[in-house]
């Protein structure tokens, strides 16, 4: 809040009380113009590239769901759902060694 007061006093000193309202109007009009131009440029680029903004927004939401903390939370939640509390999944004993399928074994491989 103090920074805003310092900026207001500085603007008052630089522009003076007579020109300050006109300067503020010019700055806000310029920012509004810049924002409108950026929006128009974005729309024209999306149309030229054939991009649907709803599809893009959905893809961005999907990517946001891939946050590591959320992924670990969902993995841990899935592990809790599959575990019966004894360290075994669904009542069966689990081995710490990785299981190999016999279909992947090649006896002729060096």
PDB file of N, CA and C in Angstrom:
ATOM      1  N   UNK A   1       0.828  -1.186   0.000  1.00  0.00           N
ATOM      2  CA  UNK A   1       0.000   0.000   0.000  1.00  0.00           C
ATOM      3  C   UNK A   1       0.869   1.246   0.000  1.00  0.00           C
ATOM      4  N   UNK A   2       2.007   1.175   0.687  1.00  0.00           N
ATOM      5  CA  UNK A   2       2.905   2.321   0.745  1.00  0.00           C
ATOM      6  C   UNK A   2       3.528   2.627  -0.606  1.00  0.00           C
ATOM      7  N   UNK A   3       3.757   1.564  -1.413  1.00  0.00           N
ATOM      8  CA  UNK A   3       4.354   1.764  -2.735  1.00  0.00           C
ATOM      9  C   UNK A   3       3.428   2.563  -3.640  1.00  0.00           C
ATOM     10  N   UNK A   4       2.143   2.310  -3.518  1.00  0.00           N
ATOM     11  CA  UNK A   4       1.169   3.038  -4.344  1.00  0.00           C
ATOM     12  C   UNK A   4       1.164   4.514  -3.972  1.00  0.00           C
ATOM     13  N   UNK A   5       1.265   4.790  -2.679  1.00  0.00           N
ATOM     14  CA  UNK A   5       1.291   6.186  -2.232  1.00  0.00           C
ATOM     15  C   UNK A   5       2.538   6.891  -2.745  1.00  0.00           C
ATOM     16  N   UNK A   6       3.676   6.196  -2.719  1.00  0.00           N
ATOM     17  CA  UNK A   6       4.918   6.783  -3.224  1.00  0.00           C
ATOM     18  C   UNK A   6       4.788   7.070  -4.717  1.00  0.00           C
ATOM     19  N   UNK A   7       4.218   6.130  -5.478  1.00  0.00           N
ATOM     20  CA  UNK A   7       4.032   6.347  -6.913  1.00  0.00           C
ATOM     21  C   UNK A   7       3.070   7.495  -7.191  1.00  0.00           C
ATOM     22  N   UNK A   8       2.022   7.616  -6.378  1.00  0.00           N
ATOM     23  CA  UNK A   8       1.061   8.706  -6.567  1.00  0.00           C
ATOM     24  C   UNK A   8       1.719  10.057  -6.316  1.00  0.00           C
ATOM     25  N   UNK A   9       2.521  10.147  -5.259  1.00  0.00           N
ATOM     26  CA  UNK A   9       3.217  11.407  -4.960  1.00  0.00           C
ATOM     27  C   UNK A   9       4.227  11.715  -6.052  1.00  0.00           C
ATOM     28  N   UNK A  10       4.943  10.705  -6.518  1.00  0.00           N
ATOM     29  CA  UNK A  10       5.927  10.908  -7.582  1.00  0.00           C
ATOM     30  C   UNK A  10       5.247  11.376  -8.871  1.00  0.00           C
ATOM     31  N   UNK A  11       4.119  10.759  -9.221  1.00  0.00           N
ATOM     32  CA  UNK A  11       3.383  11.176 -10.420  1.00  0.00           C
ATOM     33  C   UNK A  11       2.872  12.599 -10.275  1.00  0.00           C
ATOM     34  N   UNK A  12       2.440  12.954  -9.083  1.00  0.00           N
ATOM     35  CA  UNK A  12       1.963  14.314  -8.839  1.00  0.00           C
ATOM     36  C   UNK A  12       3.093  15.322  -8.996  1.00  0.00           C
ATOM     37  N   UNK A  13       4.287  14.940  -8.534  1.00  0.00           N
ATOM     38  CA  UNK A  13       5.433  15.844  -8.669  1.00  0.00           C
ATOM     39  C   UNK A  13       5.896  15.968 -10.117  1.00  0.00           C
ATOM     40  N   UNK A  14       5.864  14.861 -10.863  1.00  0.00           N
ATOM     41  CA  UNK A  14       6.356  14.885 -12.242  1.00  0.00           C
ATOM     42  C   UNK A  14       5.375  15.612 -13.158  1.00  0.00           C
ATOM     43  N   UNK A  15       4.099  15.257 -13.079  1.00  0.00           N
ATOM     44  CA  UNK A  15       3.118  15.822 -14.006  1.00  0.00           C
ATOM     45  C   UNK A  15       2.451  17.088 -13.487  1.00  0.00           C
ATOM     46  N   UNK A  16       2.387  17.248 -12.206  1.00  0.00           N
ATOM     47  CA  UNK A  16       1.696  18.400 -11.634  1.00  0.00           C
ATOM     48  C   UNK A  16       0.215  18.125 -11.518  1.00  0.00           C
ATOM     49  N   UNK A  17      -0.477  18.900 -10.693  1.00  0.00           N
ATOM     50  CA  UNK A  17      -1.901  18.634 -10.463  1.00  0.00           C
ATOM     51  C   UNK A  17      -2.782  18.926 -11.680  1.00  0.00           C
ATOM     52  N   UNK A  18      -2.313  19.758 -12.586  1.00  0.00           N
ATOM     53  CA  UNK A  18      -3.132  20.101 -13.755  1.00  0.00           C
ATOM     54  C   UNK A  18      -3.062  19.028 -14.840  1.00  0.00           C
ATOM     55  N   UNK A  19      -1.867  18.470 -15.067  1.00  0.00           N
ATOM     56  CA  UNK A  19      -1.687  17.507 -16.162  1.00  0.00           C
ATOM     57  C   UNK A  19      -1.858  16.056 -15.726  1.00  0.00           C
ATOM     58  N   UNK A  20      -1.910  15.788 -14.422  1.00  0.00           N
ATOM     59  CA  UNK A  20      -1.995  14.408 -13.935  1.00  0.00           C
ATOM     60  C   UNK A  20      -3.253  13.674 -14.426  1.00  0.00           C
ATOM     61  N   UNK A  21      -4.456  14.252 -14.359  1.00  0.00           N
ATOM     62  CA  UNK A  21      -5.636  13.515 -14.865  1.00  0.00           C
ATOM     63  C   UNK A  21      -5.544  13.184 -16.350  1.00  0.00           C
ATOM     64  N   UNK A  22      -5.018  14.112 -17.142  1.00  0.00           N
ATOM     65  CA  UNK A  22      -4.874  13.848 -18.581  1.00  0.00           C
ATOM     66  C   UNK A  22      -3.834  12.757 -18.830  1.00  0.00           C
ATOM     67  N   UNK A  23      -2.758  12.750 -18.046  1.00  0.00           N
ATOM     68  CA  UNK A  23      -1.729  11.718 -18.194  1.00  0.00           C
ATOM     69  C   UNK A  23      -2.295  10.346 -17.838  1.00  0.00           C
ATOM     70  N   UNK A  24      -3.093  10.285 -16.785  1.00  0.00           N
ATOM     71  CA  UNK A  24      -3.706   9.012 -16.389  1.00  0.00           C
ATOM     72  C   UNK A  24      -4.662   8.521 -17.473  1.00  0.00           C
ATOM     73  N   UNK A  25      -5.443   9.433 -18.053  1.00  0.00           N
ATOM     74  CA  UNK A  25      -6.355   9.052 -19.138  1.00  0.00           C
ATOM     75  C   UNK A  25      -5.582   8.542 -20.347  1.00  0.00           C
ATOM     76  N   UNK A  26      -4.480   9.201 -20.678  1.00  0.00           N
ATOM     77  CA  UNK A  26      -3.678   8.777 -21.828  1.00  0.00           C
ATOM     78  C   UNK A  26      -3.056   7.403 -21.582  1.00  0.00           C
ATOM     79  N   UNK A  27      -2.576   7.170 -20.368  1.00  0.00           N
ATOM     80  CA  UNK A  27      -1.960   5.878 -20.044  1.00  0.00           C
ATOM     81  C   UNK A  27      -3.004   4.766 -20.081  1.00  0.00           C
ATOM     82  N   UNK A  28      -4.171   4.996 -19.490  1.00  0.00           N
ATOM     83  CA  UNK A  28      -5.205   3.951 -19.503  1.00  0.00           C
ATOM     84  C   UNK A  28      -5.720   3.683 -20.912  1.00  0.00           C
ATOM     85  N   UNK A  29      -5.839   4.736 -21.726  1.00  0.00           N
ATOM     86  CA  UNK A  29      -6.270   4.534 -23.120  1.00  0.00           C
ATOM     87  C   UNK A  29      -5.220   3.738 -23.888  1.00  0.00           C
ATOM     88  N   UNK A  30      -3.950   4.026 -23.649  1.00  0.00           N
ATOM     89  CA  UNK A  30      -2.877   3.281 -24.311  1.00  0.00           C
ATOM     90  C   UNK A  30      -2.865   1.819 -23.898  1.00  0.00           C
ATOM     91  N   UNK A  31      -3.054   1.557 -22.606  1.00  0.00           N
ATOM     92  CA  UNK A  31      -3.099   0.170 -22.131  1.00  0.00           C
ATOM     93  C   UNK A  31      -4.305  -0.577 -22.698  1.00  0.00           C
ATOM     94  N   UNK A  32      -5.443   0.101 -22.767  1.00  0.00           N
ATOM     95  CA  UNK A  32      -6.645  -0.510 -23.340  1.00  0.00           C
ATOM     96  C   UNK A  32      -6.421  -0.843 -24.813  1.00  0.00           C
ATOM     97  N   UNK A  33      -5.781   0.069 -25.525  1.00  0.00           N
ATOM     98  CA  UNK A  33      -5.471  -0.128 -26.944  1.00  0.00           C
ATOM     99  C   UNK A  33      -4.505  -1.298 -27.127  1.00  0.00           C
ATOM    100  N   UNK A  34      -3.488  -1.367 -26.286  1.00  0.00           N
ATOM    101  CA  UNK A  34      -2.504  -2.447 -26.353  1.00  0.00           C
ATOM    102  C   UNK A  34      -3.165  -3.796 -26.065  1.00  0.00           C
ATOM    103  N   UNK A  35      -4.021  -3.841 -25.063  1.00  0.00           N
ATOM    104  CA  UNK A  35      -4.718  -5.078 -24.716  1.00  0.00           C
ATOM    105  C   UNK A  35      -5.621  -5.537 -25.858  1.00  0.00           C
ATOM    106  N   UNK A  36      -6.306  -4.594 -26.490  1.00  0.00           N
ATOM    107  CA  UNK A  36      -7.180  -4.921 -27.617  1.00  0.00           C
ATOM    108  C   UNK A  36      -6.370  -5.440 -28.805  1.00  0.00           C
ATOM    109  N   UNK A  37      -5.239  -4.797 -29.078  1.00  0.00           N
ATOM    110  CA  UNK A  37      -4.382  -5.239 -30.186  1.00  0.00           C
ATOM    111  C   UNK A  37      -3.839  -6.636 -29.937  1.00  0.00           C
ATOM    112  N   UNK A  38      -3.442  -6.919 -28.705  1.00  0.00           N
ATOM    113  CA  UNK A  38      -2.926  -8.245 -28.374  1.00  0.00           C
ATOM    114  C   UNK A  38      -4.013  -9.300 -28.522  1.00  0.00           C
ATOM    115  N   UNK A  39      -5.226  -8.971 -28.119  1.00  0.00           N
ATOM    116  CA  UNK A  39      -6.340  -9.908 -28.257  1.00  0.00           C
ATOM    117  C   UNK A  39      -6.648 -10.179 -29.730  1.00  0.00           C
ATOM    118  N   UNK A  40      -6.647  -9.125 -30.536  1.00  0.00           N
ATOM    119  CA  UNK A  40      -6.896  -9.290 -31.972  1.00  0.00           C
ATOM    120  C   UNK A  40      -5.800 -10.122 -32.634  1.00  0.00           C
ATOM    121  N   UNK A  41      -4.549  -9.886 -32.239  1.00  0.00           N
ATOM    122  CA  UNK A  41      -3.437 -10.649 -32.808  1.00  0.00           C
ATOM    123  C   UNK A  41      -3.549 -12.120 -32.433  1.00  0.00           C
ATOM    124  N   UNK A  42      -3.929 -12.394 -31.199  1.00  0.00           N
ATOM    125  CA  UNK A  42      -4.095 -13.780 -30.760  1.00  0.00           C
ATOM    126  C   UNK A  42      -5.189 -14.472 -31.558  1.00  0.00           C
ATOM    127  N   UNK A  43      -6.314 -13.788 -31.735  1.00  0.00           N
ATOM    128  CA  UNK A  43      -7.424 -14.374 -32.496  1.00  0.00           C
ATOM    129  C   UNK A  43      -7.036 -14.629 -33.944  1.00  0.00           C
ATOM    130  N   UNK A  44      -6.323 -13.678 -34.567  1.00  0.00           N
ATOM    131  CA  UNK A  44      -5.947 -13.867 -35.970  1.00  0.00           C
ATOM    132  C   UNK A  44      -4.929 -14.995 -36.118  1.00  0.00           C
ATOM    133  N   UNK A  45      -4.010 -15.138 -35.166  1.00  0.00           N
ATOM    134  CA  UNK A  45      -3.056 -16.248 -35.221  1.00  0.00           C
ATOM    135  C   UNK A  45      -3.762 -17.589 -35.032  1.00  0.00           C
ATOM    136  N   UNK A  46      -4.725 -17.637 -34.128  1.00  0.00           N
ATOM    137  CA  UNK A  46      -5.467 -18.881 -33.920  1.00  0.00           C
ATOM    138  C   UNK A  46      -6.268 -19.255 -35.158  1.00  0.00           C
ATOM    139  N   UNK A  47      -6.869 -18.266 -35.806  1.00  0.00           N
ATOM    140  CA  UNK A  47      -7.629 -18.540 -37.026  1.00  0.00           C
ATOM    141  C   UNK A  47      -6.709 -18.977 -38.157  1.00  0.00           C
ATOM    142  N   UNK A  48      -5.545 -18.337 -38.277  1.00  0.00           N
ATOM    143  CA  UNK A  48      -4.605 -18.688 -39.345  1.00  0.00           C
ATOM    144  C   UNK A  48      -4.040 -20.087 -39.146  1.00  0.00           C
ATOM    145  N   UNK A  49      -3.824 -20.470 -37.897  1.00  0.00           N
ATOM    146  CA  UNK A  49      -3.264 -21.789 -37.617  1.00  0.00           C
ATOM    147  C   UNK A  49      -4.342 -22.859 -37.524  1.00  0.00           C
ATOM    148  N   UNK A  50      -5.600 -22.453 -37.523  1.00  0.00           N
ATOM    149  CA  UNK A  50      -6.689 -23.419 -37.421  1.00  0.00           C
ATOM    150  C   UNK A  50      -6.809 -24.019 -36.036  1.00  0.00           C
ATOM    151  N   UNK A  51      -6.493 -23.244 -35.014  1.00  0.00           N
ATOM    152  CA  UNK A  51      -6.521 -23.729 -33.641  1.00  0.00           C
ATOM    153  C   UNK A  51      -7.836 -23.315 -32.995  1.00  0.00           C
ATOM    154  N   UNK A  52      -8.486 -24.280 -32.350  1.00  0.00           N
ATOM    155  CA  UNK A  52      -9.713 -24.000 -31.613  1.00  0.00           C
ATOM    156  C   UNK A  52      -9.329 -23.650 -30.176  1.00  0.00           C
ATOM    157  N   UNK A  53      -9.788 -22.514 -29.688  1.00  0.00           N
ATOM    158  CA  UNK A  53      -9.385 -22.062 -28.354  1.00  0.00           C
ATOM    159  C   UNK A  53      -9.913 -22.988 -27.262  1.00  0.00           C
ATOM    160  N   UNK A  54     -11.079 -23.597 -27.454  1.00  0.00           N
ATOM    161  CA  UNK A  54     -11.606 -24.527 -26.455  1.00  0.00           C
ATOM    162  C   UNK A  54     -10.738 -25.775 -26.367  1.00  0.00           C
ATOM    163  N   UNK A  55     -10.293 -26.275 -27.516  1.00  0.00           N
ATOM    164  CA  UNK A  55      -9.410 -27.436 -27.535  1.00  0.00           C
ATOM    165  C   UNK A  55      -8.083 -27.102 -26.876  1.00  0.00           C
ATOM    166  N   UNK A  56      -7.563 -25.922 -27.167  1.00  0.00           N
ATOM    167  CA  UNK A  56      -6.303 -25.494 -26.567  1.00  0.00           C
ATOM    168  C   UNK A  56      -6.450 -25.366 -25.061  1.00  0.00           C
ATOM    169  N   UNK A  57      -7.542 -24.780 -24.617  1.00  0.00           N
ATOM    170  CA  UNK A  57      -7.769 -24.617 -23.176  1.00  0.00           C
ATOM    171  C   UNK A  57      -7.896 -25.978 -22.501  1.00  0.00           C
ATOM    172  N   UNK A  58      -8.571 -26.926 -23.141  1.00  0.00           N
ATOM    173  CA  UNK A  58      -8.711 -28.266 -22.577  1.00  0.00           C
ATOM    174  C   UNK A  58      -7.351 -28.956 -22.498  1.00  0.00           C
ATOM    175  N   UNK A  59      -6.520 -28.784 -23.521  1.00  0.00           N
ATOM    176  CA  UNK A  59      -5.180 -29.370 -23.501  1.00  0.00           C
ATOM    177  C   UNK A  59      -4.341 -28.763 -22.382  1.00  0.00           C
ATOM    178  N   UNK A  60      -4.468 -27.458 -22.172  1.00  0.00           N
ATOM    179  CA  UNK A  60      -3.727 -26.800 -21.089  1.00  0.00           C
ATOM    180  C   UNK A  60      -4.190 -27.324 -19.727  1.00  0.00           C
ATOM    181  N   UNK A  61      -5.489 -27.545 -19.573  1.00  0.00           N
ATOM    182  CA  UNK A  61      -6.004 -28.094 -18.320  1.00  0.00           C
ATOM    183  C   UNK A  61      -5.490 -29.513 -18.101  1.00  0.00           C
ATOM    184  N   UNK A  62      -5.427 -30.302 -19.173  1.00  0.00           N
ATOM    185  CA  UNK A  62      -4.905 -31.661 -19.065  1.00  0.00           C
ATOM    186  C   UNK A  62      -3.438 -31.651 -18.655  1.00  0.00           C
ATOM    187  N   UNK A  63      -2.676 -30.726 -19.218  1.00  0.00           N
ATOM    188  CA  UNK A  63      -1.259 -30.618 -18.866  1.00  0.00           C
ATOM    189  C   UNK A  63      -1.110 -30.180 -17.417  1.00  0.00           C
ATOM    190  N   UNK A  64      -1.975 -29.286 -16.964  1.00  0.00           N
ATOM    191  CA  UNK A  64      -1.910 -28.826 -15.572  1.00  0.00           C
ATOM    192  C   UNK A  64      -2.180 -29.975 -14.604  1.00  0.00           C
ATOM    193  N   UNK A  65      -2.960 -30.954 -15.027  1.00  0.00           N
ATOM    194  CA  UNK A  65      -3.247 -32.102 -14.172  1.00  0.00           C
ATOM    195  C   UNK A  65      -2.031 -33.006 -14.003  1.00  0.00           C
ATOM    196  N   UNK A  66      -0.996 -32.821 -14.817  1.00  0.00           N
ATOM    197  CA  UNK A  66       0.192 -33.667 -14.765  1.00  0.00           C
ATOM    198  C   UNK A  66       1.240 -33.146 -13.786  1.00  0.00           C
ATOM    199  N   UNK A  67       0.843 -32.331 -12.844  1.00  0.00           N
ATOM    200  CA  UNK A  67       1.763 -31.804 -11.844  1.00  0.00           C
ATOM    201  C   UNK A  67       2.278 -32.965 -10.992  1.00  0.00           C
ATOM    202  N   UNK A  68       3.582 -33.018 -10.704  1.00  0.00           N
ATOM    203  CA  UNK A  68       4.150 -34.165  -9.975  1.00  0.00           C
ATOM    204  C   UNK A  68       3.467 -34.461  -8.640  1.00  0.00           C
ATOM    205  N   UNK A  69       3.092 -33.442  -7.896  1.00  0.00           N
ATOM    206  CA  UNK A  69       2.441 -33.690  -6.607  1.00  0.00           C
ATOM    207  C   UNK A  69       1.083 -34.347  -6.798  1.00  0.00           C
ATOM    208  N   UNK A  70       0.353 -33.921  -7.817  1.00  0.00           N
ATOM    209  CA  UNK A  70      -0.948 -34.538  -8.081  1.00  0.00           C
ATOM    210  C   UNK A  70      -0.777 -35.972  -8.552  1.00  0.00           C
ATOM    211  N   UNK A  71       0.237 -36.216  -9.384  1.00  0.00           N
ATOM    212  CA  UNK A  71       0.472 -37.575  -9.865  1.00  0.00           C
ATOM    213  C   UNK A  71       0.819 -38.502  -8.709  1.00  0.00           C
ATOM    214  N   UNK A  72       1.701 -38.050  -7.812  1.00  0.00           N
ATOM    215  CA  UNK A  72       2.083 -38.886  -6.677  1.00  0.00           C
ATOM    216  C   UNK A  72       0.889 -39.111  -5.756  1.00  0.00           C
ATOM    217  N   UNK A  73       0.080 -38.094  -5.582  1.00  0.00           N
ATOM    218  CA  UNK A  73      -1.114 -38.256  -4.757  1.00  0.00           C
ATOM    219  C   UNK A  73      -2.056 -39.289  -5.335  1.00  0.00           C
ATOM    220  N   UNK A  74      -2.237 -39.262  -6.651  1.00  0.00           N
ATOM    221  CA  UNK A  74      -3.138 -40.237  -7.263  1.00  0.00           C
ATOM    222  C   UNK A  74      -2.531 -41.633  -7.235  1.00  0.00           C
ATOM    223  N   UNK A  75      -1.211 -41.744  -7.372  1.00  0.00           N
ATOM    224  CA  UNK A  75      -0.557 -43.054  -7.298  1.00  0.00           C
ATOM    225  C   UNK A  75      -0.705 -43.619  -5.893  1.00  0.00           C
ATOM    226  N   UNK A  76      -0.476 -42.775  -4.885  1.00  0.00           N
ATOM    227  CA  UNK A  76      -0.600 -43.243  -3.505  1.00  0.00           C
ATOM    228  C   UNK A  76      -2.045 -43.585  -3.165  1.00  0.00           C
ATOM    229  N   UNK A  77      -2.991 -42.816  -3.674  1.00  0.00           N
ATOM    230  CA  UNK A  77      -4.400 -43.125  -3.439  1.00  0.00           C
ATOM    231  C   UNK A  77      -4.773 -44.452  -4.086  1.00  0.00           C
ATOM    232  N   UNK A  78      -4.273 -44.712  -5.295  1.00  0.00           N
ATOM    233  CA  UNK A  78      -4.545 -45.978  -5.969  1.00  0.00           C
ATOM    234  C   UNK A  78      -3.931 -47.138  -5.195  1.00  0.00           C
ATOM    235  N   UNK A  79      -2.726 -46.923  -4.648  1.00  0.00           N
ATOM    236  CA  UNK A  79      -2.078 -47.979  -3.878  1.00  0.00           C
ATOM    237  C   UNK A  79      -2.872 -48.278  -2.613  1.00  0.00           C
ATOM    238  N   UNK A  80      -3.423 -47.252  -1.973  1.00  0.00           N
ATOM    239  CA  UNK A  80      -4.244 -47.461  -0.783  1.00  0.00           C
ATOM    240  C   UNK A  80      -5.523 -48.207  -1.127  1.00  0.00           C
ATOM    241  N   UNK A  81      -6.099 -47.938  -2.274  1.00  0.00           N
ATOM    242  CA  UNK A  81      -7.332 -48.605  -2.683  1.00  0.00           C
ATOM    243  C   UNK A  81      -7.092 -50.085  -2.959  1.00  0.00           C
ATOM    244  N   UNK A  82      -5.910 -50.435  -3.484  1.00  0.00           N
ATOM    245  CA  UNK A  82      -5.616 -51.819  -3.844  1.00  0.00           C
ATOM    246  C   UNK A  82      -5.050 -52.620  -2.681  1.00  0.00           C
ATOM    247  N   UNK A  83      -4.641 -51.972  -1.614  1.00  0.00           N
ATOM    248  CA  UNK A  83      -4.009 -52.658  -0.499  1.00  0.00           C
ATOM    249  C   UNK A  83      -5.050 -53.009   0.554  1.00  0.00           C
ATOM    250  N   UNK A  84      -4.831 -54.173   1.236  1.00  0.00           N
ATOM    251  CA  UNK A  84      -5.756 -54.549   2.304  1.00  0.00           C
ATOM    252  C   UNK A  84      -5.189 -54.198   3.676  1.00  0.00           C
ATOM    253  N   UNK A  85      -4.096 -53.416   3.724  1.00  0.00           N
ATOM    254  CA  UNK A  85      -3.522 -52.969   4.981  1.00  0.00           C
ATOM    255  C   UNK A  85      -2.431 -53.880   5.497  1.00  0.00           C
ATOM    256  N   UNK A  86      -2.178 -55.024   4.883  1.00  0.00           N
ATOM    257  CA  UNK A  86      -1.157 -55.953   5.347  1.00  0.00           C
ATOM    258  C   UNK A  86       0.109 -55.868   4.520  1.00  0.00           C
ATOM    259  N   UNK A  87       0.188 -54.927   3.616  1.00  0.00           N
ATOM    260  CA  UNK A  87       1.356 -54.826   2.756  1.00  0.00           C
ATOM    261  C   UNK A  87       1.210 -55.663   1.506  1.00  0.00           C
ATOM    262  N   UNK A  88       0.117 -56.402   1.410  1.00  0.00           N
ATOM    263  CA  UNK A  88      -0.116 -57.229   0.234  1.00  0.00           C
ATOM    264  C   UNK A  88      -1.265 -56.635  -0.553  1.00  0.00           C
ATOM    265  N   UNK A  89      -1.155 -56.676  -1.842  1.00  0.00           N
ATOM    266  CA  UNK A  89      -2.217 -56.155  -2.698  1.00  0.00           C
ATOM    267  C   UNK A  89      -3.258 -57.232  -2.922  1.00  0.00           C
ATOM    268  N   UNK A  90      -4.480 -56.903  -2.613  1.00  0.00           N
ATOM    269  CA  UNK A  90      -5.633 -57.773  -2.847  1.00  0.00           C
ATOM    270  C   UNK A  90      -5.445 -59.158  -2.235  1.00  0.00           C
ATOM    271  N   UNK A  91      -4.735 -59.224  -1.098  1.00  0.00           N
ATOM    272  CA  UNK A  91      -4.606 -60.487  -0.394  1.00  0.00           C
ATOM    273  C   UNK A  91      -3.542 -61.408  -0.930  1.00  0.00           C
ATOM    274  N   UNK A  92      -2.788 -61.043  -1.939  1.00  0.00           N
ATOM    275  CA  UNK A  92      -1.763 -61.921  -2.482  1.00  0.00           C
ATOM    276  C   UNK A  92      -0.399 -61.404  -2.074  1.00  0.00           C
ATOM    277  N   UNK A  93       0.535 -62.319  -1.906  1.00  0.00           N
ATOM    278  CA  UNK A  93       1.892 -61.933  -1.534  1.00  0.00           C
ATOM    279  C   UNK A  93       2.569 -61.280  -2.726  1.00  0.00           C
ATOM    280  N   UNK A  94       3.364 -60.264  -2.433  1.00  0.00           N
ATOM    281  CA  UNK A  94       4.081 -59.580  -3.511  1.00  0.00           C
ATOM    282  C   UNK A  94       5.558 -59.822  -3.352  1.00  0.00           C
ATOM    283  N   UNK A  95       6.230 -59.950  -4.431  1.00  0.00           N
ATOM    284  CA  UNK A  95       7.667 -60.159  -4.445  1.00  0.00           C
ATOM    285  C   UNK A  95       8.359 -58.848  -4.743  1.00  0.00           C
ATOM    286  N   UNK A  96       9.537 -58.647  -4.131  1.00  0.00           N
ATOM    287  CA  UNK A  96      10.266 -57.410  -4.401  1.00  0.00           C
ATOM    288  C   UNK A  96      11.057 -57.509  -5.700  1.00  0.00           C
ATOM    289  N   UNK A  97      11.263 -58.716  -6.209  1.00  0.00           N
ATOM    290  CA  UNK A  97      11.991 -58.888  -7.464  1.00  0.00           C
ATOM    291  C   UNK A  97      11.048 -58.640  -8.627  1.00  0.00           C
ATOM    292  N   UNK A  98      11.545 -58.001  -9.682  1.00  0.00           N
ATOM    293  CA  UNK A  98      10.673 -57.771 -10.835  1.00  0.00           C
ATOM    294  C   UNK A  98      10.340 -59.087 -11.524  1.00  0.00           C
ATOM    295  N   UNK A  99       9.117 -59.210 -11.937  1.00  0.00           N
ATOM    296  CA  UNK A  99       8.710 -60.438 -12.612  1.00  0.00           C
ATOM    297  C   UNK A  99       9.064 -60.351 -14.086  1.00  0.00           C
ATOM    298  N   UNK A 100       9.511 -61.483 -14.638  1.00  0.00           N
ATOM    299  CA  UNK A 100       9.835 -61.538 -16.061  1.00  0.00           C
ATOM    300  C   UNK A 100       8.856 -62.483 -16.729  1.00  0.00           C
ATOM    301  N   UNK A 101       8.434 -62.075 -17.867  1.00  0.00           N
ATOM    302  CA  UNK A 101       7.565 -62.937 -18.634  1.00  0.00           C
ATOM    303  C   UNK A 101       8.445 -63.870 -19.456  1.00  0.00           C
ATOM    304  N   UNK A 102       8.036 -65.112 -19.583  1.00  0.00           N
ATOM    305  CA  UNK A 102       8.825 -66.073 -20.348  1.00  0.00           C
ATOM    306  C   UNK A 102       8.822 -65.748 -21.825  1.00  0.00           C
ATOM    307  N   UNK A 103       7.846 -64.995 -22.283  1.00  0.00           N
ATOM    308  CA  UNK A 103       7.792 -64.611 -23.682  1.00  0.00           C
ATOM    309  C   UNK A 103       8.912 -63.643 -24.049  1.00  0.00           C
ATOM    310  N   UNK A 104       9.444 -62.895 -23.066  1.00  0.00           N
ATOM    311  CA  UNK A 104      10.520 -61.948 -23.327  1.00  0.00           C
ATOM    312  C   UNK A 104      11.896 -62.604 -23.257  1.00  0.00           C
ATOM    313  N   UNK A 105      11.997 -63.830 -22.763  1.00  0.00           N
ATOM    314  CA  UNK A 105      13.278 -64.509 -22.595  1.00  0.00           C
ATOM    315  C   UNK A 105      13.737 -65.114 -23.912  1.00  0.00           C
ATOM    316  N   UNK A 106      14.978 -64.810 -24.306  1.00  0.00           N
ATOM    317  CA  UNK A 106      15.555 -65.341 -25.536  1.00  0.00           C
ATOM    318  C   UNK A 106      16.798 -66.136 -25.163  1.00  0.00           C
ATOM    319  N   UNK A 107      16.759 -67.474 -25.256  1.00  0.00           N
ATOM    320  CA  UNK A 107      17.918 -68.281 -24.844  1.00  0.00           C
ATOM    321  C   UNK A 107      19.118 -68.109 -25.774  1.00  0.00           C
ATOM    322  N   UNK A 108      18.917 -67.650 -26.999  1.00  0.00           N
ATOM    323  CA  UNK A 108      20.017 -67.485 -27.939  1.00  0.00           C
ATOM    324  C   UNK A 108      20.686 -66.123 -27.831  1.00  0.00           C
ATOM    325  N   UNK A 109      20.163 -65.253 -27.016  1.00  0.00           N
ATOM    326  CA  UNK A 109      20.739 -63.907 -26.889  1.00  0.00           C
ATOM    327  C   UNK A 109      22.067 -63.991 -26.155  1.00  0.00           C
ATOM    328  N   UNK A 110      23.051 -63.195 -26.550  1.00  0.00           N
ATOM    329  CA  UNK A 110      24.368 -63.256 -25.886  1.00  0.00           C
ATOM    330  C   UNK A 110      24.341 -62.705 -24.486  1.00  0.00           C
TER     331      UNK A 110
END
